Amino acid sequence: MTSASREMFRRNLIGLLVVMAALATLYVTKYHDNWSVYRNSMVPEATGAPGETVTADDVTWGVEKIRYVRALPGYSAGHPLPEGTGAAIVTVKRQGAPTDTGCTGVLTDGVRRWKAEGVGFSAAPLPDGTTDNCTKPGPVQFTFILPRDASPTAVDILDYRGRITVRLPL
């Protein structure tokens, strides 16, 4: 190897190390937080077994009741559900302090996901003492509109950033 080739190799090696350091710095400063948020929206912080309660962030969660209906209770025929769909109404018992930022629910069958409906004609009326967003104490009720052939396996409780706080198998 000639001295010119050694010098070229040394310069290329130094250049490679500089590029790798720049990419590592870019990842840490720019993309790491975004990746963590995405990962936390797919992988739950805590998961329980069917019928069990799960504790996450000092709150204990468990599925209290799930009902499948073809039409939402408390609404007239003027607000029918879309053709081929039904509603799953999931009540989650919760013990612990309510959150300031709220929460939402997502129903999943392991492949597909259905986000809880907001307040309005596509959400079931809330019983007294029940909330739909975790900002008040007591149980939380979520309404999901899904295809009638769906077989959900779990309900995920998400925080305001989309992080799955807890997965509760049905």
C-alpha atoms as a PDB file:
ATOM      1  CA  MET A   1       0.000   0.000   0.000  1.00  0.00           C
ATOM      2  CA  THR A   2       1.457   3.321  -0.982  1.00  0.00           C
ATOM      3  CA  SER A   3       1.559   6.343   1.260  1.00  0.00           C
ATOM      4  CA  ALA A   4      -1.057   8.076  -0.926  1.00  0.00           C
ATOM      5  CA  SER A   5      -3.445   5.120  -0.507  1.00  0.00           C
ATOM      6  CA  ARG A   6      -2.867   5.073   3.256  1.00  0.00           C
ATOM      7  CA  GLU A   7      -3.590   8.776   3.433  1.00  0.00           C
ATOM      8  CA  MET A   8      -6.778   8.312   1.352  1.00  0.00           C
ATOM      9  CA  PHE A   9      -7.865   5.404   3.621  1.00  0.00           C
ATOM     10  CA  ARG A  10      -7.211   7.509   6.742  1.00  0.00           C
ATOM     11  CA  ARG A  11      -9.233  10.439   5.339  1.00  0.00           C
ATOM     12  CA  ASN A  12     -12.117   8.144   4.354  1.00  0.00           C
ATOM     13  CA  LEU A  13     -12.108   6.579   7.822  1.00  0.00           C
ATOM     14  CA  ILE A  14     -12.167  10.003   9.495  1.00  0.00           C
ATOM     15  CA  GLY A  15     -14.963  11.098   7.133  1.00  0.00           C
ATOM     16  CA  LEU A  16     -16.984   7.973   7.945  1.00  0.00           C
ATOM     17  CA  LEU A  17     -16.603   8.571  11.689  1.00  0.00           C
ATOM     18  CA  VAL A  18     -17.690  12.219  11.310  1.00  0.00           C
ATOM     19  CA  VAL A  19     -20.785  11.195   9.298  1.00  0.00           C
ATOM     20  CA  MET A  20     -21.689   8.484  11.843  1.00  0.00           C
ATOM     21  CA  ALA A  21     -21.339  10.970  14.717  1.00  0.00           C
ATOM     22  CA  ALA A  22     -23.521  13.483  12.855  1.00  0.00           C
ATOM     23  CA  LEU A  23     -26.207  10.854  12.195  1.00  0.00           C
ATOM     24  CA  ALA A  24     -26.143   9.698  15.826  1.00  0.00           C
ATOM     25  CA  THR A  25     -26.513  13.301  17.003  1.00  0.00           C
ATOM     26  CA  LEU A  26     -29.393  13.877  14.582  1.00  0.00           C
ATOM     27  CA  TYR A  27     -31.160  10.730  15.784  1.00  0.00           C
ATOM     28  CA  VAL A  28     -30.802  11.607  19.461  1.00  0.00           C
ATOM     29  CA  THR A  29     -31.850  15.242  19.078  1.00  0.00           C
ATOM     30  CA  LYS A  30     -34.505  14.976  16.380  1.00  0.00           C
ATOM     31  CA  TYR A  31     -35.995  11.510  15.975  1.00  0.00           C
ATOM     32  CA  HIS A  32     -35.650   9.604  19.264  1.00  0.00           C
ATOM     33  CA  ASP A  33     -38.651  11.266  20.956  1.00  0.00           C
ATOM     34  CA  ASN A  34     -40.841  10.766  17.879  1.00  0.00           C
ATOM     35  CA  TRP A  35     -39.894   7.082  17.731  1.00  0.00           C
ATOM     36  CA  SER A  36     -40.642   6.656  21.436  1.00  0.00           C
ATOM     37  CA  VAL A  37     -44.071   8.268  21.041  1.00  0.00           C
ATOM     38  CA  TYR A  38     -44.836   6.012  18.057  1.00  0.00           C
ATOM     39  CA  ARG A  39     -43.633   2.889  19.876  1.00  0.00           C
ATOM     40  CA  ASN A  40     -45.745   3.758  22.926  1.00  0.00           C
ATOM     41  CA  SER A  41     -48.779   4.075  20.668  1.00  0.00           C
ATOM     42  CA  MET A  42     -48.334   0.424  19.622  1.00  0.00           C
ATOM     43  CA  VAL A  43     -46.970  -1.272  22.752  1.00  0.00           C
ATOM     44  CA  PRO A  44     -48.964  -0.957  25.998  1.00  0.00           C
ATOM     45  CA  GLU A  45     -47.312   0.091  29.241  1.00  0.00           C
ATOM     46  CA  ALA A  46     -49.255  -2.618  31.099  1.00  0.00           C
ATOM     47  CA  THR A  47     -51.368  -5.582  29.984  1.00  0.00           C
ATOM     48  CA  GLY A  48     -53.632  -7.796  32.030  1.00  0.00           C
ATOM     49  CA  ALA A  49     -55.384 -11.107  31.569  1.00  0.00           C
ATOM     50  CA  PRO A  50     -59.100 -11.331  30.731  1.00  0.00           C
ATOM     51  CA  GLY A  51     -61.192 -10.431  33.777  1.00  0.00           C
ATOM     52  CA  GLU A  52     -58.224  -9.125  35.780  1.00  0.00           C
ATOM     53  CA  THR A  53     -57.435  -5.585  36.835  1.00  0.00           C
ATOM     54  CA  VAL A  54     -54.225  -3.843  35.813  1.00  0.00           C
ATOM     55  CA  THR A  55     -52.395  -1.000  37.565  1.00  0.00           C
ATOM     56  CA  ALA A  56     -50.573   1.664  35.554  1.00  0.00           C
ATOM     57  CA  ASP A  57     -49.629   5.217  36.581  1.00  0.00           C
ATOM     58  CA  ASP A  58     -51.168   4.640  40.054  1.00  0.00           C
ATOM     59  CA  VAL A  59     -54.590   3.861  38.545  1.00  0.00           C
ATOM     60  CA  THR A  60     -56.204   0.410  38.597  1.00  0.00           C
ATOM     61  CA  TRP A  61     -58.205  -0.502  35.486  1.00  0.00           C
ATOM     62  CA  GLY A  62     -60.522  -3.393  34.619  1.00  0.00           C
ATOM     63  CA  VAL A  63     -63.347  -4.167  32.199  1.00  0.00           C
ATOM     64  CA  GLU A  64     -66.608  -3.896  34.109  1.00  0.00           C
ATOM     65  CA  LYS A  65     -69.080  -4.593  31.306  1.00  0.00           C
ATOM     66  CA  ILE A  66     -69.238  -4.896  27.531  1.00  0.00           C
ATOM     67  CA  ARG A  67     -72.446  -4.816  25.485  1.00  0.00           C
ATOM     68  CA  TYR A  68     -72.920  -5.305  21.763  1.00  0.00           C
ATOM     69  CA  VAL A  69     -75.948  -3.572  20.258  1.00  0.00           C
ATOM     70  CA  ARG A  70     -77.321  -3.089  16.733  1.00  0.00           C
ATOM     71  CA  ALA A  71     -78.721   0.359  17.570  1.00  0.00           C
ATOM     72  CA  LEU A  72     -77.566   2.822  20.174  1.00  0.00           C
ATOM     73  CA  PRO A  73     -79.826   2.994  23.219  1.00  0.00           C
ATOM     74  CA  GLY A  74     -81.510   6.318  23.956  1.00  0.00           C
ATOM     75  CA  TYR A  75     -81.590   7.531  20.350  1.00  0.00           C
ATOM     76  CA  SER A  76     -84.473   7.615  17.938  1.00  0.00           C
ATOM     77  CA  ALA A  77     -84.514   5.997  14.512  1.00  0.00           C
ATOM     78  CA  GLY A  78     -83.357   9.363  13.141  1.00  0.00           C
ATOM     79  CA  HIS A  79     -79.738   8.451  13.983  1.00  0.00           C
ATOM     80  CA  PRO A  80     -79.225   4.904  12.731  1.00  0.00           C
ATOM     81  CA  LEU A  81     -75.831   3.239  12.675  1.00  0.00           C
ATOM     82  CA  PRO A  82     -74.226   2.705   9.262  1.00  0.00           C
ATOM     83  CA  GLU A  83     -75.291  -0.419   7.345  1.00  0.00           C
ATOM     84  CA  GLY A  84     -73.466  -3.568   8.485  1.00  0.00           C
ATOM     85  CA  THR A  85     -72.201  -2.072  11.734  1.00  0.00           C
ATOM     86  CA  GLY A  86     -73.011  -2.397  15.389  1.00  0.00           C
ATOM     87  CA  ALA A  87     -71.859  -0.731  18.551  1.00  0.00           C
ATOM     88  CA  ALA A  88     -69.761  -2.091  21.365  1.00  0.00           C
ATOM     89  CA  ILE A  89     -70.304  -0.230  24.631  1.00  0.00           C
ATOM     90  CA  VAL A  90     -67.449  -0.895  27.043  1.00  0.00           C
ATOM     91  CA  THR A  91     -67.521   0.235  30.659  1.00  0.00           C
ATOM     92  CA  VAL A  92     -64.119   0.275  32.357  1.00  0.00           C
ATOM     93  CA  LYS A  93     -63.877   0.414  36.136  1.00  0.00           C
ATOM     94  CA  ARG A  94     -61.149   2.668  37.411  1.00  0.00           C
ATOM     95  CA  GLN A  95     -59.708   3.333  40.848  1.00  0.00           C
ATOM     96  CA  GLY A  96     -57.336   6.227  41.272  1.00  0.00           C
ATOM     97  CA  ALA A  97     -57.134   9.921  40.642  1.00  0.00           C
ATOM     98  CA  PRO A  98     -58.671  11.304  37.448  1.00  0.00           C
ATOM     99  CA  THR A  99     -56.295  12.836  34.918  1.00  0.00           C
ATOM    100  CA  ASP A 100     -56.150  16.494  33.932  1.00  0.00           C
ATOM    101  CA  THR A 101     -55.510  15.633  30.289  1.00  0.00           C
ATOM    102  CA  GLY A 102     -58.126  12.909  29.770  1.00  0.00           C
ATOM    103  CA  CYS A 103     -57.989   9.634  27.924  1.00  0.00           C
ATOM    104  CA  THR A 104     -59.673   7.770  25.119  1.00  0.00           C
ATOM    105  CA  GLY A 105     -60.321   4.157  24.269  1.00  0.00           C
ATOM    106  CA  VAL A 106     -59.411   2.012  21.284  1.00  0.00           C
ATOM    107  CA  LEU A 107     -60.940  -1.390  20.629  1.00  0.00           C
ATOM    108  CA  THR A 108     -58.766  -3.916  18.772  1.00  0.00           C
ATOM    109  CA  ASP A 109     -59.022  -7.399  17.338  1.00  0.00           C
ATOM    110  CA  GLY A 110     -55.233  -7.678  17.083  1.00  0.00           C
ATOM    111  CA  VAL A 111     -55.161  -6.389  13.498  1.00  0.00           C
ATOM    112  CA  ARG A 112     -57.769  -3.633  13.213  1.00  0.00           C
ATOM    113  CA  ARG A 113     -58.416  -0.791  15.657  1.00  0.00           C
ATOM    114  CA  TRP A 114     -61.544   1.279  16.339  1.00  0.00           C
ATOM    115  CA  LYS A 115     -61.292   4.562  18.216  1.00  0.00           C
ATOM    116  CA  ALA A 116     -64.032   5.445  20.707  1.00  0.00           C
ATOM    117  CA  GLU A 117     -66.731   7.738  19.397  1.00  0.00           C
ATOM    118  CA  GLY A 118     -66.973  11.242  20.776  1.00  0.00           C
ATOM    119  CA  VAL A 119     -69.994  12.709  22.477  1.00  0.00           C
ATOM    120  CA  GLY A 120     -72.901  12.991  20.068  1.00  0.00           C
ATOM    121  CA  PHE A 121     -75.336  10.819  18.218  1.00  0.00           C
ATOM    122  CA  SER A 122     -72.785   8.018  17.680  1.00  0.00           C
ATOM    123  CA  ALA A 123     -71.978   7.546  21.384  1.00  0.00           C
ATOM    124  CA  ALA A 124     -74.235   5.837  23.909  1.00  0.00           C
ATOM    125  CA  PRO A 125     -75.609   8.048  26.703  1.00  0.00           C
ATOM    126  CA  LEU A 126     -73.507   7.994  29.860  1.00  0.00           C
ATOM    127  CA  PRO A 127     -75.058   6.569  33.037  1.00  0.00           C
ATOM    128  CA  ASP A 128     -74.886   8.773  36.142  1.00  0.00           C
ATOM    129  CA  GLY A 129     -71.435   8.776  37.728  1.00  0.00           C
ATOM    130  CA  THR A 130     -69.740   7.618  34.516  1.00  0.00           C
ATOM    131  CA  THR A 131     -67.379   9.666  32.356  1.00  0.00           C
ATOM    132  CA  ASP A 132     -66.114   9.256  28.813  1.00  0.00           C
ATOM    133  CA  ASN A 133     -62.650  10.827  29.101  1.00  0.00           C
ATOM    134  CA  CYS A 134     -61.045  10.075  32.505  1.00  0.00           C
ATOM    135  CA  THR A 135     -61.240  13.662  33.796  1.00  0.00           C
ATOM    136  CA  LYS A 136     -63.776  12.758  36.484  1.00  0.00           C
ATOM    137  CA  PRO A 137     -63.645   9.975  39.082  1.00  0.00           C
ATOM    138  CA  GLY A 138     -65.517   6.730  38.550  1.00  0.00           C
ATOM    139  CA  PRO A 139     -66.013   4.328  35.689  1.00  0.00           C
ATOM    140  CA  VAL A 140     -65.321   5.273  32.072  1.00  0.00           C
ATOM    141  CA  GLN A 141     -67.638   4.313  29.199  1.00  0.00           C
ATOM    142  CA  PHE A 142     -66.539   4.106  25.576  1.00  0.00           C
ATOM    143  CA  THR A 143     -68.739   3.514  22.520  1.00  0.00           C
ATOM    144  CA  PHE A 144     -67.211   1.914  19.439  1.00  0.00           C
ATOM    145  CA  ILE A 145     -68.839   1.598  16.019  1.00  0.00           C
ATOM    146  CA  LEU A 146     -67.468  -1.497  14.301  1.00  0.00           C
ATOM    147  CA  PRO A 147     -68.407  -4.061  11.642  1.00  0.00           C
ATOM    148  CA  ARG A 148     -70.860  -6.666  12.890  1.00  0.00           C
ATOM    149  CA  ASP A 149     -68.424  -9.457  12.014  1.00  0.00           C
ATOM    150  CA  ALA A 150     -65.632  -7.986  14.179  1.00  0.00           C
ATOM    151  CA  SER A 151     -64.423  -9.981  17.172  1.00  0.00           C
ATOM    152  CA  PRO A 152     -62.538  -7.550  19.409  1.00  0.00           C
ATOM    153  CA  THR A 153     -59.999  -9.016  21.792  1.00  0.00           C
ATOM    154  CA  ALA A 154     -58.944  -6.015  23.907  1.00  0.00           C
ATOM    155  CA  VAL A 155     -59.626  -2.405  24.766  1.00  0.00           C
ATOM    156  CA  ASP A 156     -56.676  -0.014  24.996  1.00  0.00           C
ATOM    157  CA  ILE A 157     -56.745   3.095  27.196  1.00  0.00           C
ATOM    158  CA  LEU A 158     -54.732   5.895  25.559  1.00  0.00           C
ATOM    159  CA  ASP A 159     -53.462   9.114  27.102  1.00  0.00           C
ATOM    160  CA  TYR A 160     -53.644  12.480  25.349  1.00  0.00           C
ATOM    161  CA  ARG A 161     -50.452  11.743  23.350  1.00  0.00           C
ATOM    162  CA  GLY A 162     -51.745   8.429  22.030  1.00  0.00           C
ATOM    163  CA  ARG A 163     -49.598   6.318  24.396  1.00  0.00           C
ATOM    164  CA  ILE A 164     -51.284   3.050  25.379  1.00  0.00           C
ATOM    165  CA  THR A 165     -51.442   3.266  29.152  1.00  0.00           C
ATOM    166  CA  VAL A 166     -53.089  -0.108  29.605  1.00  0.00           C
ATOM    167  CA  ARG A 167     -54.449  -2.968  27.456  1.00  0.00           C
ATOM    168  CA  LEU A 168     -57.413  -4.840  28.890  1.00  0.00           C
ATOM    169  CA  PRO A 169     -58.190  -8.165  27.179  1.00  0.00           C
ATOM    170  CA  LEU A 170     -61.899  -8.888  26.797  1.00  0.00           C
END
